[in-house]
Amino acid sequence: DIKVILAPMPVASSDLDYFYEVACKCKGNVTVFPHRMERGYHELQTGSTFGIMPSIYEPFGAAVEYMTCGTVNIGRATGGLIDQIDKKCGFLYKEDEKFYTLENIRSYIKSSSIAQSRKSNPFAKSMADKLHKELVKAINVYQHDPGKYYTMIINGFRKARKFNWDINAKRYNRVYRMINKA
C-alpha cells in the first residue's frame, strides 16, 4: 500500500467526480485536494515519497520543486519534464506511440468537459497504463532498493542546483530580442 495525494487542477467541477471515484475505490489510500493549495503545499511535497506529474503539456514543471524537497519524481515525458527528470533522479513514462494519433488527441481534447469519458480513449488509456507500470517500478525501488532510492534523492538535489531562474530569464530575454529583431 502507498498513500497518494492528488492535487488536480480541474477544468470543470465535473472533473472532480472522476477523482473522487478514484479516491473511493482506493479505500483511504488516495486523498484529493481539488484546488490550488494556499498553504501546506511545500510540506506536502517534502513529506511525499514521489511527486507524480502526468502532464499532457508542461513548459517547465514542478519537478525541480519536488527535487528541492527531497522527493523523487514520476512524470510523463513531455515539455520541460524531459529536461528535468532522468533515470538518475526520477522516472519518466510515455504512452505508446501508436495511440498518439490526431484522432485520439482530438477526442481527448473534446472530452475535457467530462474527464471520466476519457477512460475509453486509447491515448488516455495508454498513458494511464504506462503511468501504472512506472509506479510499480518506482514502488519496487522504494521498497526493495533503498540505496538506489536515496541516491535518486541526492541526484535530484544536485540537479535542482543547476536550475537558475536568473540564467533562464536572461536566455529567454536573449531569444525574445532576437525574435523582435527579425
N, C-alpha and C. Protein backbone atom coordinates (compact mmCIF):
# COMPACT_ATOMS: atom_id res chain seq x y z
N ASP A 1 0.82 -1.19 0.00
CA ASP A 1 0.00 0.00 0.00
C ASP A 1 0.87 1.25 0.00
N ILE A 2 0.45 2.22 -0.77
CA ILE A 2 1.07 3.53 -0.74
C ILE A 2 -0.04 4.54 -0.51
N LYS A 3 0.31 5.67 0.01
CA LYS A 3 -0.64 6.76 0.20
C LYS A 3 -0.39 7.79 -0.90
N VAL A 4 -1.45 8.22 -1.54
CA VAL A 4 -1.35 9.14 -2.66
C VAL A 4 -2.22 10.35 -2.39
N ILE A 5 -1.68 11.52 -2.67
CA ILE A 5 -2.46 12.75 -2.60
C ILE A 5 -2.53 13.32 -4.00
N LEU A 6 -3.74 13.53 -4.48
CA LEU A 6 -3.96 14.12 -5.79
C LEU A 6 -4.32 15.58 -5.60
N ALA A 7 -3.65 16.44 -6.34
CA ALA A 7 -3.95 17.88 -6.30
C ALA A 7 -4.26 18.34 -7.72
N PRO A 8 -5.39 17.87 -8.27
CA PRO A 8 -5.71 18.21 -9.67
C PRO A 8 -6.14 19.66 -9.82
N MET A 9 -5.91 20.17 -11.01
CA MET A 9 -6.43 21.49 -11.37
C MET A 9 -7.54 21.23 -12.38
N PRO A 10 -8.77 21.02 -11.90
CA PRO A 10 -9.86 20.62 -12.79
C PRO A 10 -10.25 21.72 -13.76
N VAL A 11 -10.56 21.29 -14.98
CA VAL A 11 -11.07 22.22 -15.99
C VAL A 11 -12.50 22.59 -15.64
N ALA A 12 -13.25 21.60 -15.23
CA ALA A 12 -14.65 21.80 -14.83
C ALA A 12 -14.89 21.07 -13.51
N SER A 13 -15.87 21.53 -12.77
CA SER A 13 -16.13 20.90 -11.48
C SER A 13 -16.53 19.43 -11.65
N SER A 14 -17.08 19.07 -12.81
CA SER A 14 -17.46 17.67 -13.05
C SER A 14 -16.23 16.76 -13.10
N ASP A 15 -15.06 17.32 -13.39
CA ASP A 15 -13.82 16.52 -13.38
C ASP A 15 -13.57 15.92 -12.01
N LEU A 16 -13.98 16.62 -10.99
CA LEU A 16 -13.72 16.15 -9.63
C LEU A 16 -14.44 14.84 -9.33
N ASP A 17 -15.58 14.60 -9.99
CA ASP A 17 -16.30 13.34 -9.79
C ASP A 17 -15.39 12.16 -10.08
N TYR A 18 -14.62 12.28 -11.15
CA TYR A 18 -13.68 11.21 -11.53
C TYR A 18 -12.64 11.00 -10.44
N PHE A 19 -12.05 12.08 -9.94
CA PHE A 19 -11.01 11.96 -8.92
C PHE A 19 -11.58 11.42 -7.61
N TYR A 20 -12.79 11.84 -7.26
CA TYR A 20 -13.43 11.31 -6.05
C TYR A 20 -13.74 9.83 -6.20
N GLU A 21 -14.14 9.42 -7.40
CA GLU A 21 -14.40 8.00 -7.66
C GLU A 21 -13.11 7.19 -7.47
N VAL A 22 -12.01 7.70 -7.98
CA VAL A 22 -10.72 7.03 -7.80
C VAL A 22 -10.40 6.92 -6.32
N ALA A 23 -10.58 8.02 -5.58
CA ALA A 23 -10.28 8.01 -4.14
C ALA A 23 -11.15 6.98 -3.41
N CYS A 24 -12.43 6.88 -3.75
CA CYS A 24 -13.32 5.91 -3.10
C CYS A 24 -12.89 4.48 -3.39
N LYS A 25 -12.49 4.21 -4.63
CA LYS A 25 -12.06 2.86 -5.00
C LYS A 25 -10.78 2.46 -4.27
N CYS A 26 -9.98 3.44 -3.90
CA CYS A 26 -8.68 3.14 -3.27
C CYS A 26 -8.77 3.05 -1.76
N LYS A 27 -9.95 3.15 -1.20
CA LYS A 27 -10.22 2.87 0.22
C LYS A 27 -9.25 3.53 1.19
N GLY A 28 -9.11 4.83 1.12
CA GLY A 28 -8.29 5.55 2.09
C GLY A 28 -6.84 5.74 1.69
N ASN A 29 -6.43 5.15 0.58
CA ASN A 29 -5.04 5.32 0.14
C ASN A 29 -4.86 6.52 -0.77
N VAL A 30 -5.96 7.15 -1.18
CA VAL A 30 -5.90 8.33 -2.04
C VAL A 30 -6.71 9.45 -1.40
N THR A 31 -6.11 10.61 -1.30
CA THR A 31 -6.79 11.82 -0.82
C THR A 31 -6.75 12.84 -1.94
N VAL A 32 -7.84 13.57 -2.13
CA VAL A 32 -7.93 14.57 -3.19
C VAL A 32 -8.03 15.95 -2.58
N PHE A 33 -7.11 16.82 -2.96
CA PHE A 33 -7.18 18.25 -2.65
C PHE A 33 -7.51 18.93 -3.97
N PRO A 34 -8.79 19.27 -4.22
CA PRO A 34 -9.19 19.67 -5.56
C PRO A 34 -8.86 21.09 -5.99
N HIS A 35 -8.27 21.87 -5.15
CA HIS A 35 -7.99 23.25 -5.55
C HIS A 35 -6.55 23.58 -5.23
N ARG A 36 -6.06 24.62 -5.89
CA ARG A 36 -4.69 25.05 -5.63
C ARG A 36 -4.56 25.38 -4.14
N MET A 37 -3.59 24.75 -3.53
CA MET A 37 -3.41 24.92 -2.09
C MET A 37 -2.68 26.24 -1.80
N GLU A 38 -3.21 27.01 -0.87
CA GLU A 38 -2.56 28.26 -0.48
C GLU A 38 -1.50 28.02 0.58
N ARG A 39 -1.73 27.00 1.42
CA ARG A 39 -0.77 26.68 2.48
C ARG A 39 -0.58 25.16 2.52
N GLY A 40 0.60 24.74 2.93
CA GLY A 40 0.85 23.33 3.14
C GLY A 40 1.39 22.58 1.94
N TYR A 41 1.47 23.23 0.77
CA TYR A 41 1.92 22.54 -0.44
C TYR A 41 3.39 22.11 -0.31
N HIS A 42 4.22 22.99 0.20
CA HIS A 42 5.64 22.66 0.38
C HIS A 42 5.79 21.48 1.34
N GLU A 43 5.05 21.50 2.42
CA GLU A 43 5.10 20.40 3.38
C GLU A 43 4.61 19.09 2.74
N LEU A 44 3.60 19.20 1.90
CA LEU A 44 3.09 18.04 1.19
C LEU A 44 4.18 17.46 0.28
N GLN A 45 4.88 18.33 -0.44
CA GLN A 45 5.96 17.88 -1.31
C GLN A 45 7.08 17.24 -0.49
N THR A 46 7.43 17.85 0.62
CA THR A 46 8.52 17.35 1.45
C THR A 46 8.19 16.00 2.07
N GLY A 47 6.95 15.78 2.41
CA GLY A 47 6.55 14.54 3.06
C GLY A 47 6.18 13.42 2.11
N SER A 48 6.27 13.67 0.81
CA SER A 48 5.87 12.67 -0.18
C SER A 48 7.04 11.76 -0.55
N THR A 49 6.71 10.54 -0.88
CA THR A 49 7.70 9.59 -1.37
C THR A 49 7.97 9.86 -2.85
N PHE A 50 6.92 10.20 -3.58
CA PHE A 50 7.03 10.51 -5.00
C PHE A 50 6.17 11.71 -5.34
N GLY A 51 6.63 12.50 -6.29
CA GLY A 51 5.83 13.57 -6.88
C GLY A 51 5.45 13.10 -8.28
N ILE A 52 4.17 13.03 -8.55
CA ILE A 52 3.71 12.48 -9.83
C ILE A 52 3.14 13.61 -10.68
N MET A 53 3.66 13.72 -11.90
CA MET A 53 3.23 14.76 -12.83
C MET A 53 2.81 14.12 -14.16
N PRO A 54 1.53 13.74 -14.27
CA PRO A 54 1.05 13.12 -15.51
C PRO A 54 0.61 14.16 -16.53
N SER A 55 1.42 15.16 -16.73
CA SER A 55 1.06 16.32 -17.55
C SER A 55 0.94 15.98 -19.03
N ILE A 56 -0.06 16.58 -19.66
CA ILE A 56 -0.19 16.49 -21.12
C ILE A 56 0.83 17.43 -21.74
N TYR A 57 0.93 18.63 -21.20
CA TYR A 57 1.89 19.62 -21.65
C TYR A 57 2.46 20.28 -20.41
N GLU A 58 3.74 20.46 -20.38
CA GLU A 58 4.38 21.04 -19.19
C GLU A 58 5.57 21.88 -19.65
N PRO A 59 5.40 23.20 -19.74
CA PRO A 59 6.51 24.03 -20.22
C PRO A 59 7.73 23.99 -19.30
N PHE A 60 7.53 23.92 -18.02
CA PHE A 60 8.67 23.80 -17.10
C PHE A 60 8.41 22.70 -16.10
N GLY A 61 7.36 22.76 -15.37
CA GLY A 61 7.02 21.69 -14.44
C GLY A 61 7.51 21.92 -13.03
N ALA A 62 6.93 21.17 -12.13
CA ALA A 62 7.26 21.29 -10.71
C ALA A 62 8.31 20.29 -10.28
N ALA A 63 8.94 19.63 -11.22
CA ALA A 63 9.93 18.60 -10.88
C ALA A 63 11.04 19.17 -9.99
N VAL A 64 11.53 20.34 -10.33
CA VAL A 64 12.60 20.95 -9.53
C VAL A 64 12.10 21.25 -8.12
N GLU A 65 10.85 21.68 -8.00
CA GLU A 65 10.29 21.92 -6.67
C GLU A 65 10.32 20.64 -5.84
N TYR A 66 9.92 19.53 -6.44
CA TYR A 66 9.96 18.26 -5.73
C TYR A 66 11.40 17.89 -5.36
N MET A 67 12.32 18.08 -6.31
CA MET A 67 13.72 17.74 -6.06
C MET A 67 14.28 18.50 -4.86
N THR A 68 13.96 19.79 -4.76
CA THR A 68 14.48 20.58 -3.65
C THR A 68 13.86 20.16 -2.32
N CYS A 69 12.77 19.42 -2.38
CA CYS A 69 12.11 18.92 -1.17
C CYS A 69 12.55 17.49 -0.84
N GLY A 70 13.46 16.92 -1.65
CA GLY A 70 13.90 15.56 -1.41
C GLY A 70 12.89 14.52 -1.84
N THR A 71 12.12 14.84 -2.87
CA THR A 71 11.08 13.94 -3.35
C THR A 71 11.42 13.48 -4.76
N VAL A 72 11.34 12.18 -4.98
CA VAL A 72 11.63 11.59 -6.28
C VAL A 72 10.43 11.82 -7.21
N ASN A 73 10.70 12.16 -8.47
CA ASN A 73 9.67 12.47 -9.45
C ASN A 73 9.29 11.28 -10.31
N ILE A 74 8.01 11.26 -10.67
CA ILE A 74 7.50 10.37 -11.71
C ILE A 74 6.73 11.30 -12.65
N GLY A 75 7.15 11.38 -13.90
CA GLY A 75 6.50 12.31 -14.81
C GLY A 75 6.33 11.77 -16.21
N ARG A 76 5.34 12.30 -16.90
CA ARG A 76 5.13 11.95 -18.31
C ARG A 76 6.20 12.68 -19.11
N ALA A 77 6.81 11.98 -20.04
CA ALA A 77 7.90 12.55 -20.84
C ALA A 77 7.33 13.58 -21.82
N THR A 78 7.26 14.82 -21.36
CA THR A 78 6.76 15.91 -22.18
C THR A 78 7.39 17.22 -21.72
N GLY A 79 7.51 18.16 -22.66
CA GLY A 79 7.97 19.52 -22.34
C GLY A 79 9.17 19.58 -21.43
N GLY A 80 9.08 20.46 -20.43
CA GLY A 80 10.18 20.70 -19.51
C GLY A 80 10.49 19.53 -18.59
N LEU A 81 9.55 18.62 -18.43
CA LEU A 81 9.81 17.46 -17.56
C LEU A 81 10.93 16.60 -18.13
N ILE A 82 11.04 16.55 -19.45
CA ILE A 82 12.11 15.77 -20.09
C ILE A 82 13.47 16.36 -19.72
N ASP A 83 13.54 17.68 -19.61
CA ASP A 83 14.80 18.34 -19.25
C ASP A 83 15.15 18.17 -17.78
N GLN A 84 14.15 17.96 -16.96
CA GLN A 84 14.37 17.92 -15.52
C GLN A 84 14.54 16.52 -14.95
N ILE A 85 13.75 15.59 -15.43
CA ILE A 85 13.74 14.24 -14.85
C ILE A 85 14.54 13.29 -15.74
N ASP A 86 15.45 12.56 -15.13
CA ASP A 86 16.13 11.47 -15.83
C ASP A 86 16.18 10.28 -14.89
N LYS A 87 16.71 9.15 -15.38
CA LYS A 87 16.69 7.93 -14.57
C LYS A 87 17.59 8.00 -13.35
N LYS A 88 18.43 9.01 -13.26
CA LYS A 88 19.27 9.17 -12.06
C LYS A 88 18.50 9.80 -10.90
N CYS A 89 17.44 10.56 -11.22
CA CYS A 89 16.71 11.26 -10.16
C CYS A 89 15.20 11.04 -10.21
N GLY A 90 14.72 10.21 -11.12
CA GLY A 90 13.28 10.00 -11.19
C GLY A 90 12.90 9.00 -12.25
N PHE A 91 11.63 9.03 -12.59
CA PHE A 91 11.06 8.07 -13.54
C PHE A 91 10.24 8.82 -14.57
N LEU A 92 10.45 8.53 -15.85
CA LEU A 92 9.66 9.11 -16.93
C LEU A 92 8.90 8.00 -17.65
N TYR A 93 7.72 8.34 -18.14
CA TYR A 93 6.95 7.38 -18.93
C TYR A 93 6.30 8.13 -20.08
N LYS A 94 5.90 7.41 -21.10
CA LYS A 94 5.22 7.98 -22.25
C LYS A 94 4.27 6.93 -22.80
N GLU A 95 3.11 7.36 -23.25
CA GLU A 95 2.14 6.45 -23.84
C GLU A 95 2.74 5.80 -25.09
N ASP A 96 2.15 4.66 -25.49
CA ASP A 96 2.60 4.00 -26.71
C ASP A 96 2.39 4.92 -27.91
N GLU A 97 3.38 5.02 -28.75
CA GLU A 97 3.33 5.94 -29.89
C GLU A 97 2.17 5.64 -30.83
N LYS A 98 1.79 4.37 -30.95
CA LYS A 98 0.70 4.03 -31.88
C LYS A 98 -0.63 4.67 -31.49
N PHE A 99 -0.77 5.07 -30.21
CA PHE A 99 -2.01 5.72 -29.77
C PHE A 99 -1.93 7.25 -29.83
N TYR A 100 -0.76 7.75 -30.18
CA TYR A 100 -0.53 9.19 -30.27
C TYR A 100 -0.94 9.64 -31.68
N THR A 101 -2.25 9.60 -31.92
CA THR A 101 -2.78 9.96 -33.24
C THR A 101 -3.61 11.23 -33.12
N LEU A 102 -3.76 11.91 -34.24
CA LEU A 102 -4.55 13.14 -34.27
C LEU A 102 -5.99 12.87 -33.82
N GLU A 103 -6.56 11.76 -34.26
CA GLU A 103 -7.93 11.41 -33.88
C GLU A 103 -8.06 11.22 -32.36
N ASN A 104 -7.14 10.47 -31.76
CA ASN A 104 -7.19 10.23 -30.31
C ASN A 104 -6.96 11.51 -29.52
N ILE A 105 -6.05 12.34 -29.99
CA ILE A 105 -5.76 13.59 -29.28
C ILE A 105 -6.94 14.55 -29.38
N ARG A 106 -7.55 14.64 -30.55
CA ARG A 106 -8.74 15.49 -30.71
C ARG A 106 -9.87 15.01 -29.80
N SER A 107 -10.07 13.71 -29.76
CA SER A 107 -11.10 13.13 -28.89
C SER A 107 -10.79 13.44 -27.43
N TYR A 108 -9.54 13.35 -27.06
CA TYR A 108 -9.12 13.65 -25.69
C TYR A 108 -9.43 15.11 -25.34
N ILE A 109 -9.11 16.01 -26.25
CA ILE A 109 -9.35 17.44 -26.01
C ILE A 109 -10.85 17.73 -25.94
N LYS A 110 -11.62 17.14 -26.85
CA LYS A 110 -13.07 17.36 -26.86
C LYS A 110 -13.74 16.85 -25.59
N SER A 111 -13.13 15.86 -24.96
CA SER A 111 -13.73 15.28 -23.76
C SER A 111 -13.29 16.00 -22.48
N SER A 112 -12.69 17.18 -22.63
CA SER A 112 -12.17 17.88 -21.45
C SER A 112 -13.27 18.29 -20.46
N SER A 113 -14.50 18.40 -20.93
CA SER A 113 -15.57 18.80 -20.01
C SER A 113 -16.03 17.63 -19.13
N ILE A 114 -15.70 16.40 -19.53
CA ILE A 114 -16.06 15.22 -18.73
C ILE A 114 -14.84 14.29 -18.70
N ALA A 115 -13.99 14.50 -17.70
CA ALA A 115 -12.73 13.75 -17.62
C ALA A 115 -12.97 12.24 -17.61
N GLN A 116 -14.06 11.79 -16.99
CA GLN A 116 -14.33 10.37 -16.89
C GLN A 116 -14.51 9.72 -18.26
N SER A 117 -15.00 10.48 -19.23
CA SER A 117 -15.22 9.91 -20.57
C SER A 117 -13.90 9.60 -21.27
N ARG A 118 -12.81 10.10 -20.75
CA ARG A 118 -11.51 9.84 -21.37
C ARG A 118 -11.04 8.41 -21.15
N LYS A 119 -11.67 7.70 -20.25
CA LYS A 119 -11.24 6.33 -19.95
C LYS A 119 -11.31 5.42 -21.17
N SER A 120 -12.17 5.75 -22.14
CA SER A 120 -12.30 4.91 -23.33
C SER A 120 -11.36 5.36 -24.45
N ASN A 121 -10.65 6.45 -24.27
CA ASN A 121 -9.73 6.95 -25.28
C ASN A 121 -8.42 6.15 -25.24
N PRO A 122 -8.01 5.54 -26.35
CA PRO A 122 -6.78 4.73 -26.36
C PRO A 122 -5.53 5.52 -25.93
N PHE A 123 -5.47 6.79 -26.29
CA PHE A 123 -4.35 7.67 -25.91
C PHE A 123 -4.30 7.81 -24.39
N ALA A 124 -5.44 8.13 -23.77
CA ALA A 124 -5.50 8.29 -22.32
C ALA A 124 -5.28 6.96 -21.61
N LYS A 125 -5.85 5.89 -22.15
CA LYS A 125 -5.68 4.57 -21.53
C LYS A 125 -4.21 4.16 -21.56
N SER A 126 -3.54 4.40 -22.66
CA SER A 126 -2.12 4.06 -22.76
C SER A 126 -1.30 4.87 -21.76
N MET A 127 -1.64 6.17 -21.62
CA MET A 127 -0.94 7.00 -20.63
C MET A 127 -1.12 6.42 -19.23
N ALA A 128 -2.35 6.05 -18.90
CA ALA A 128 -2.63 5.50 -17.56
C ALA A 128 -1.90 4.18 -17.36
N ASP A 129 -1.89 3.34 -18.39
CA ASP A 129 -1.20 2.05 -18.28
C ASP A 129 0.30 2.25 -18.07
N LYS A 130 0.88 3.17 -18.81
CA LYS A 130 2.33 3.43 -18.68
C LYS A 130 2.64 4.06 -17.33
N LEU A 131 1.77 4.93 -16.84
CA LEU A 131 1.97 5.50 -15.51
C LEU A 131 1.92 4.40 -14.46
N HIS A 132 0.95 3.51 -14.58
CA HIS A 132 0.84 2.40 -13.63
C HIS A 132 2.12 1.56 -13.63
N LYS A 133 2.62 1.26 -14.80
CA LYS A 133 3.85 0.47 -14.93
C LYS A 133 5.02 1.18 -14.25
N GLU A 134 5.10 2.49 -14.43
CA GLU A 134 6.19 3.27 -13.84
C GLU A 134 6.03 3.36 -12.32
N LEU A 135 4.78 3.47 -11.86
CA LEU A 135 4.52 3.46 -10.42
C LEU A 135 4.97 2.16 -9.77
N VAL A 136 4.66 1.05 -10.42
CA VAL A 136 5.07 -0.25 -9.90
C VAL A 136 6.60 -0.31 -9.82
N LYS A 137 7.27 0.17 -10.86
CA LYS A 137 8.73 0.17 -10.87
C LYS A 137 9.28 1.06 -9.74
N ALA A 138 8.69 2.25 -9.58
CA ALA A 138 9.15 3.18 -8.55
C ALA A 138 8.92 2.62 -7.15
N ILE A 139 7.75 2.03 -6.92
CA ILE A 139 7.45 1.44 -5.61
C ILE A 139 8.42 0.30 -5.31
N ASN A 140 8.75 -0.48 -6.32
CA ASN A 140 9.70 -1.57 -6.15
C ASN A 140 11.07 -1.04 -5.71
N VAL A 141 11.52 0.04 -6.34
CA VAL A 141 12.80 0.65 -5.94
C VAL A 141 12.69 1.13 -4.49
N TYR A 142 11.61 1.81 -4.16
CA TYR A 142 11.44 2.34 -2.80
C TYR A 142 11.44 1.22 -1.76
N GLN A 143 10.73 0.14 -2.06
CA GLN A 143 10.59 -0.93 -1.08
C GLN A 143 11.79 -1.87 -1.01
N HIS A 144 12.45 -2.10 -2.14
CA HIS A 144 13.45 -3.16 -2.19
C HIS A 144 14.88 -2.68 -2.47
N ASP A 145 15.04 -1.41 -2.83
CA ASP A 145 16.39 -0.91 -3.11
C ASP A 145 16.54 0.50 -2.53
N PRO A 146 16.50 0.60 -1.19
CA PRO A 146 16.56 1.93 -0.56
C PRO A 146 17.82 2.70 -0.92
N GLY A 147 18.92 2.02 -1.18
CA GLY A 147 20.14 2.71 -1.58
C GLY A 147 19.94 3.47 -2.89
N LYS A 148 19.30 2.81 -3.85
CA LYS A 148 19.02 3.46 -5.14
C LYS A 148 18.04 4.62 -4.94
N TYR A 149 17.02 4.39 -4.13
CA TYR A 149 16.01 5.44 -3.89
C TYR A 149 16.68 6.68 -3.28
N TYR A 150 17.52 6.49 -2.26
CA TYR A 150 18.16 7.64 -1.62
C TYR A 150 19.20 8.29 -2.54
N THR A 151 19.83 7.51 -3.41
CA THR A 151 20.74 8.08 -4.41
C THR A 151 19.95 8.97 -5.37
N MET A 152 18.73 8.55 -5.72
CA MET A 152 17.89 9.37 -6.59
C MET A 152 17.55 10.70 -5.92
N ILE A 153 17.31 10.67 -4.63
CA ILE A 153 17.03 11.92 -3.90
C ILE A 153 18.24 12.84 -3.97
N ILE A 154 19.43 12.31 -3.68
CA ILE A 154 20.66 13.12 -3.72
C ILE A 154 20.90 13.66 -5.12
N ASN A 155 20.70 12.82 -6.14
CA ASN A 155 20.85 13.28 -7.53
C ASN A 155 19.84 14.37 -7.87
N GLY A 156 18.65 14.27 -7.30
CA GLY A 156 17.64 15.32 -7.50
C GLY A 156 18.09 16.64 -6.90
N PHE A 157 18.65 16.58 -5.69
CA PHE A 157 19.20 17.81 -5.08
C PHE A 157 20.27 18.42 -5.99
N ARG A 158 21.16 17.58 -6.48
CA ARG A 158 22.26 18.08 -7.34
C ARG A 158 21.71 18.68 -8.63
N LYS A 159 20.74 18.01 -9.22
CA LYS A 159 20.18 18.50 -10.48
C LYS A 159 19.43 19.82 -10.25
N ALA A 160 18.71 19.91 -9.15
CA ALA A 160 17.95 21.14 -8.87
C ALA A 160 18.87 22.34 -8.71
N ARG A 161 20.05 22.10 -8.18
CA ARG A 161 21.01 23.21 -8.03
C ARG A 161 21.42 23.82 -9.36
N LYS A 162 21.33 23.04 -10.43
CA LYS A 162 21.75 23.52 -11.76
C LYS A 162 20.74 24.47 -12.38
N PHE A 163 19.49 24.45 -11.89
CA PHE A 163 18.46 25.33 -12.45
C PHE A 163 18.53 26.68 -11.75
N ASN A 164 18.59 27.73 -12.55
CA ASN A 164 18.74 29.07 -12.01
C ASN A 164 17.82 30.00 -12.80
N TRP A 165 16.87 30.61 -12.11
CA TRP A 165 15.91 31.48 -12.79
C TRP A 165 16.57 32.67 -13.46
N ASP A 166 17.59 33.24 -12.84
CA ASP A 166 18.27 34.39 -13.45
C ASP A 166 18.88 34.01 -14.79
N ILE A 167 19.57 32.89 -14.83
CA ILE A 167 20.19 32.44 -16.08
C ILE A 167 19.11 32.15 -17.12
N ASN A 168 18.06 31.43 -16.71
CA ASN A 168 16.98 31.10 -17.65
C ASN A 168 16.29 32.36 -18.17
N ALA A 169 16.03 33.32 -17.30
CA ALA A 169 15.37 34.56 -17.72
C ALA A 169 16.24 35.31 -18.73
N LYS A 170 17.54 35.34 -18.49
CA LYS A 170 18.45 36.01 -19.43
C LYS A 170 18.45 35.31 -20.79
N ARG A 171 18.41 33.99 -20.78
CA ARG A 171 18.37 33.25 -22.05
C ARG A 171 17.07 33.51 -22.80
N TYR A 172 15.94 33.49 -22.08
CA TYR A 172 14.67 33.79 -22.72
C TYR A 172 14.65 35.21 -23.26
N ASN A 173 15.20 36.14 -22.50
CA ASN A 173 15.27 37.53 -22.94
C ASN A 173 16.09 37.65 -24.22
N ARG A 174 17.19 36.93 -24.30
CA ARG A 174 18.04 36.95 -25.49
C ARG A 174 17.26 36.43 -26.70
N VAL A 175 16.53 35.33 -26.53
CA VAL A 175 15.72 34.77 -27.62
C VAL A 175 14.64 35.77 -28.01
N TYR A 176 14.00 36.38 -27.03
CA TYR A 176 12.94 37.35 -27.29
C TYR A 176 13.48 38.53 -28.12
N ARG A 177 14.66 39.03 -27.75
CA ARG A 177 15.27 40.15 -28.50
C ARG A 177 15.63 39.73 -29.92
N MET A 178 16.10 38.49 -30.10
CA MET A 178 16.43 38.02 -31.44
C MET A 178 15.17 37.94 -32.30
N ILE A 179 14.08 37.48 -31.72
CA ILE A 179 12.83 37.36 -32.47
C ILE A 179 12.30 38.74 -32.83
N ASN A 180 12.40 39.69 -31.93
CA ASN A 180 11.92 41.05 -32.20
C ASN A 180 12.72 41.75 -33.29
N LYS A 181 13.99 41.38 -33.44
CA LYS A 181 14.82 41.98 -34.49
C LYS A 181 14.44 41.45 -35.85
N ALA A 182 13.91 40.25 -35.91
CA ALA A 182 13.61 39.60 -37.20
C ALA A 182 12.43 40.22 -37.90
